[in-house]
Amino acid sequence: MLKVKSRGNETVDQMLRRFKKLCEKEGLIKDMKRLAYFEKPSEKRRRQLRKAEKRELKTLMEARGIAPPPPRKERFPSRERE
C-alpha cells in the first residue's frame, strides 16, 4: 500500500504528482492495465518468455562487459494536448 505524506507547504497537486510517480515506479498502473482485459494463457506464457529472454540477454551482456543498448526514444515526443 502506497502512502504519501505532506511535506511542509506542499500543495495537493504536488502530493498527487508524487503519488502518481510512486505508482509508476511500483508498476501498479502497468498491472492494472494488464489486468483490465483477459489474457489468454498462451499470451501470458509468451509474455513471460519474452521477459525471461530479455533478462537473460542483459545478464550475458553484463558478464561479457558489453554495454546494454541505450533506452528507446519515444516515437512521438510529448505533445501539448488541449
N, C-alpha and C. Protein backbone atom coordinates (compact mmCIF):
# COMPACT_ATOMS: atom_id res chain seq x y z
N MET A 1 0.84 -1.17 0.00
CA MET A 1 0.00 0.00 0.00
C MET A 1 0.89 1.24 0.00
N LEU A 2 0.63 2.13 -0.91
CA LEU A 2 1.41 3.35 -1.03
C LEU A 2 0.79 4.47 -0.21
N LYS A 3 1.64 5.21 0.47
CA LYS A 3 1.17 6.36 1.24
C LYS A 3 2.05 7.55 0.91
N VAL A 4 1.43 8.71 0.84
CA VAL A 4 2.17 9.93 0.58
C VAL A 4 1.82 10.91 1.68
N LYS A 5 2.83 11.34 2.41
CA LYS A 5 2.62 12.31 3.49
C LYS A 5 2.99 13.70 3.01
N SER A 6 2.29 14.66 3.51
CA SER A 6 2.52 16.05 3.12
C SER A 6 3.87 16.53 3.64
N ARG A 7 4.57 17.28 2.80
CA ARG A 7 5.87 17.86 3.18
C ARG A 7 5.71 19.36 3.35
N GLY A 8 5.60 19.82 4.53
CA GLY A 8 5.55 21.25 4.79
C GLY A 8 4.47 21.98 4.04
N ASN A 9 4.86 22.88 3.15
CA ASN A 9 3.92 23.72 2.40
C ASN A 9 3.56 23.10 1.04
N GLU A 10 3.54 21.80 0.96
CA GLU A 10 3.27 21.12 -0.30
C GLU A 10 1.78 21.18 -0.64
N THR A 11 1.50 21.47 -1.90
CA THR A 11 0.10 21.54 -2.33
C THR A 11 -0.43 20.14 -2.63
N VAL A 12 -1.73 20.05 -2.77
CA VAL A 12 -2.36 18.77 -3.09
C VAL A 12 -1.91 18.29 -4.47
N ASP A 13 -1.74 19.22 -5.40
CA ASP A 13 -1.28 18.84 -6.75
C ASP A 13 0.10 18.21 -6.70
N GLN A 14 0.99 18.77 -5.88
CA GLN A 14 2.34 18.22 -5.76
C GLN A 14 2.31 16.84 -5.12
N MET A 15 1.45 16.68 -4.11
CA MET A 15 1.31 15.37 -3.47
C MET A 15 0.77 14.33 -4.46
N LEU A 16 -0.20 14.74 -5.24
CA LEU A 16 -0.78 13.84 -6.24
C LEU A 16 0.26 13.44 -7.27
N ARG A 17 1.09 14.39 -7.67
CA ARG A 17 2.15 14.11 -8.64
C ARG A 17 3.14 13.09 -8.06
N ARG A 18 3.51 13.27 -6.77
CA ARG A 18 4.41 12.31 -6.12
C ARG A 18 3.77 10.93 -6.02
N PHE A 19 2.47 10.89 -5.73
CA PHE A 19 1.76 9.62 -5.63
C PHE A 19 1.75 8.90 -6.98
N LYS A 20 1.50 9.65 -8.05
CA LYS A 20 1.49 9.05 -9.38
C LYS A 20 2.86 8.48 -9.75
N LYS A 21 3.92 9.20 -9.37
CA LYS A 21 5.27 8.72 -9.65
C LYS A 21 5.55 7.43 -8.88
N LEU A 22 5.09 7.38 -7.62
CA LEU A 22 5.27 6.17 -6.83
C LEU A 22 4.52 4.99 -7.46
N CYS A 23 3.30 5.24 -7.93
CA CYS A 23 2.52 4.19 -8.58
C CYS A 23 3.23 3.69 -9.83
N GLU A 24 3.78 4.61 -10.58
CA GLU A 24 4.51 4.26 -11.81
C GLU A 24 5.74 3.42 -11.47
N LYS A 25 6.45 3.83 -10.42
CA LYS A 25 7.66 3.15 -10.01
C LYS A 25 7.35 1.73 -9.53
N GLU A 26 6.26 1.56 -8.83
CA GLU A 26 5.87 0.24 -8.31
C GLU A 26 5.27 -0.64 -9.39
N GLY A 27 4.87 -0.07 -10.51
CA GLY A 27 4.30 -0.85 -11.61
C GLY A 27 2.81 -1.11 -11.43
N LEU A 28 2.15 -0.34 -10.58
CA LEU A 28 0.73 -0.55 -10.34
C LEU A 28 -0.11 -0.23 -11.57
N ILE A 29 0.22 0.84 -12.24
CA ILE A 29 -0.56 1.25 -13.41
C ILE A 29 -0.43 0.20 -14.51
N LYS A 30 0.79 -0.29 -14.70
CA LYS A 30 1.03 -1.32 -15.71
C LYS A 30 0.22 -2.58 -15.40
N ASP A 31 0.22 -2.99 -14.13
CA ASP A 31 -0.54 -4.18 -13.74
C ASP A 31 -2.04 -3.97 -13.92
N MET A 32 -2.53 -2.80 -13.56
CA MET A 32 -3.96 -2.54 -13.69
C MET A 32 -4.38 -2.58 -15.15
N LYS A 33 -3.57 -2.00 -16.03
CA LYS A 33 -3.89 -2.02 -17.45
C LYS A 33 -3.85 -3.45 -17.99
N ARG A 34 -2.88 -4.23 -17.51
CA ARG A 34 -2.76 -5.61 -17.97
C ARG A 34 -3.93 -6.46 -17.48
N LEU A 35 -4.38 -6.19 -16.27
CA LEU A 35 -5.47 -6.98 -15.70
C LEU A 35 -6.86 -6.48 -16.10
N ALA A 36 -6.92 -5.39 -16.82
CA ALA A 36 -8.21 -4.84 -17.23
C ALA A 36 -8.91 -5.76 -18.23
N TYR A 37 -8.13 -6.51 -19.00
CA TYR A 37 -8.68 -7.41 -20.00
C TYR A 37 -8.15 -8.82 -19.76
N PHE A 38 -8.91 -9.79 -20.18
CA PHE A 38 -8.49 -11.18 -20.02
C PHE A 38 -7.31 -11.46 -20.93
N GLU A 39 -6.33 -12.14 -20.38
CA GLU A 39 -5.15 -12.52 -21.14
C GLU A 39 -5.15 -14.04 -21.27
N LYS A 40 -5.13 -14.53 -22.48
CA LYS A 40 -5.14 -15.97 -22.70
C LYS A 40 -3.86 -16.56 -22.11
N PRO A 41 -3.94 -17.80 -21.62
CA PRO A 41 -2.75 -18.43 -21.04
C PRO A 41 -1.57 -18.48 -22.02
N SER A 42 -1.86 -18.69 -23.30
CA SER A 42 -0.76 -18.73 -24.29
C SER A 42 -0.10 -17.36 -24.41
N GLU A 43 -0.89 -16.30 -24.37
CA GLU A 43 -0.32 -14.95 -24.44
C GLU A 43 0.50 -14.65 -23.19
N LYS A 44 0.02 -15.12 -22.06
CA LYS A 44 0.72 -14.90 -20.79
C LYS A 44 2.08 -15.61 -20.83
N ARG A 45 2.08 -16.86 -21.30
CA ARG A 45 3.34 -17.61 -21.42
C ARG A 45 4.30 -16.90 -22.36
N ARG A 46 3.78 -16.44 -23.50
CA ARG A 46 4.61 -15.75 -24.48
C ARG A 46 5.23 -14.49 -23.89
N ARG A 47 4.43 -13.74 -23.13
CA ARG A 47 4.92 -12.51 -22.50
C ARG A 47 6.01 -12.84 -21.48
N GLN A 48 5.80 -13.89 -20.69
CA GLN A 48 6.79 -14.27 -19.69
C GLN A 48 8.08 -14.76 -20.34
N LEU A 49 7.97 -15.49 -21.45
CA LEU A 49 9.16 -15.94 -22.16
C LEU A 49 9.96 -14.77 -22.72
N ARG A 50 9.25 -13.80 -23.31
CA ARG A 50 9.95 -12.62 -23.83
C ARG A 50 10.68 -11.89 -22.71
N LYS A 51 10.02 -11.77 -21.56
CA LYS A 51 10.62 -11.10 -20.41
C LYS A 51 11.87 -11.85 -19.93
N ALA A 52 11.79 -13.18 -19.88
CA ALA A 52 12.92 -14.01 -19.45
C ALA A 52 14.08 -13.89 -20.44
N GLU A 53 13.78 -13.86 -21.74
CA GLU A 53 14.83 -13.72 -22.75
C GLU A 53 15.55 -12.39 -22.60
N LYS A 54 14.80 -11.32 -22.36
CA LYS A 54 15.43 -10.01 -22.17
C LYS A 54 16.34 -10.03 -20.95
N ARG A 55 15.86 -10.65 -19.86
CA ARG A 55 16.66 -10.73 -18.64
C ARG A 55 17.95 -11.50 -18.89
N GLU A 56 17.84 -12.63 -19.58
CA GLU A 56 19.00 -13.46 -19.86
C GLU A 56 20.00 -12.73 -20.75
N LEU A 57 19.51 -12.05 -21.76
CA LEU A 57 20.38 -11.29 -22.66
C LEU A 57 21.12 -10.20 -21.90
N LYS A 58 20.41 -9.56 -20.99
CA LYS A 58 21.02 -8.49 -20.20
C LYS A 58 22.14 -9.04 -19.32
N THR A 59 21.90 -10.18 -18.66
CA THR A 59 22.94 -10.76 -17.80
C THR A 59 24.14 -11.22 -18.62
N LEU A 60 23.91 -11.79 -19.82
CA LEU A 60 25.01 -12.19 -20.68
C LEU A 60 25.85 -11.00 -21.11
N MET A 61 25.17 -9.92 -21.47
CA MET A 61 25.89 -8.72 -21.91
C MET A 61 26.70 -8.14 -20.76
N GLU A 62 26.14 -8.14 -19.56
CA GLU A 62 26.87 -7.61 -18.41
C GLU A 62 28.08 -8.50 -18.08
N ALA A 63 27.92 -9.82 -18.22
CA ALA A 63 29.01 -10.75 -17.94
C ALA A 63 30.16 -10.58 -18.92
N ARG A 64 29.83 -10.28 -20.16
CA ARG A 64 30.86 -10.09 -21.19
C ARG A 64 31.42 -8.67 -21.21
N GLY A 65 30.85 -7.80 -20.43
CA GLY A 65 31.34 -6.43 -20.37
C GLY A 65 30.86 -5.56 -21.51
N ILE A 66 29.81 -5.99 -22.16
CA ILE A 66 29.25 -5.22 -23.26
C ILE A 66 28.19 -4.29 -22.69
N ALA A 67 28.23 -3.05 -23.11
CA ALA A 67 27.24 -2.09 -22.63
C ALA A 67 25.88 -2.42 -23.22
N PRO A 68 24.83 -2.36 -22.41
CA PRO A 68 23.49 -2.62 -22.94
C PRO A 68 23.08 -1.52 -23.92
N PRO A 69 22.18 -1.82 -24.83
CA PRO A 69 21.76 -0.79 -25.79
C PRO A 69 21.08 0.36 -25.07
N PRO A 70 21.19 1.56 -25.63
CA PRO A 70 20.55 2.71 -24.98
C PRO A 70 19.04 2.55 -24.97
N PRO A 71 18.36 3.17 -24.00
CA PRO A 71 16.90 3.06 -23.96
C PRO A 71 16.28 3.64 -25.22
N ARG A 72 15.14 3.06 -25.60
CA ARG A 72 14.46 3.53 -26.80
C ARG A 72 13.96 4.95 -26.62
N LYS A 73 14.02 5.69 -27.71
CA LYS A 73 13.47 7.04 -27.69
C LYS A 73 11.98 6.94 -27.99
N GLU A 74 11.25 7.91 -27.50
CA GLU A 74 9.81 7.94 -27.76
C GLU A 74 9.59 8.19 -29.24
N ARG A 75 8.62 7.50 -29.80
CA ARG A 75 8.31 7.71 -31.21
C ARG A 75 7.79 9.12 -31.44
N PHE A 76 6.88 9.51 -30.58
CA PHE A 76 6.27 10.82 -30.70
C PHE A 76 6.58 11.59 -29.43
N PRO A 77 7.48 12.53 -29.50
CA PRO A 77 7.80 13.31 -28.30
C PRO A 77 6.52 13.91 -27.72
N SER A 78 6.53 14.09 -26.43
CA SER A 78 5.31 14.55 -25.77
C SER A 78 4.78 15.81 -26.45
N ARG A 79 3.52 15.74 -26.79
CA ARG A 79 2.86 16.86 -27.45
C ARG A 79 1.92 17.52 -26.47
N GLU A 80 1.74 18.78 -26.63
CA GLU A 80 0.79 19.51 -25.79
C GLU A 80 -0.61 19.18 -26.28
N ARG A 81 -1.42 18.62 -25.41
CA ARG A 81 -2.80 18.32 -25.77
C ARG A 81 -3.72 19.31 -25.08
N GLU A 82 -4.71 19.73 -25.81
CA GLU A 82 -5.64 20.70 -25.24
C GLU A 82 -6.91 20.04 -24.85
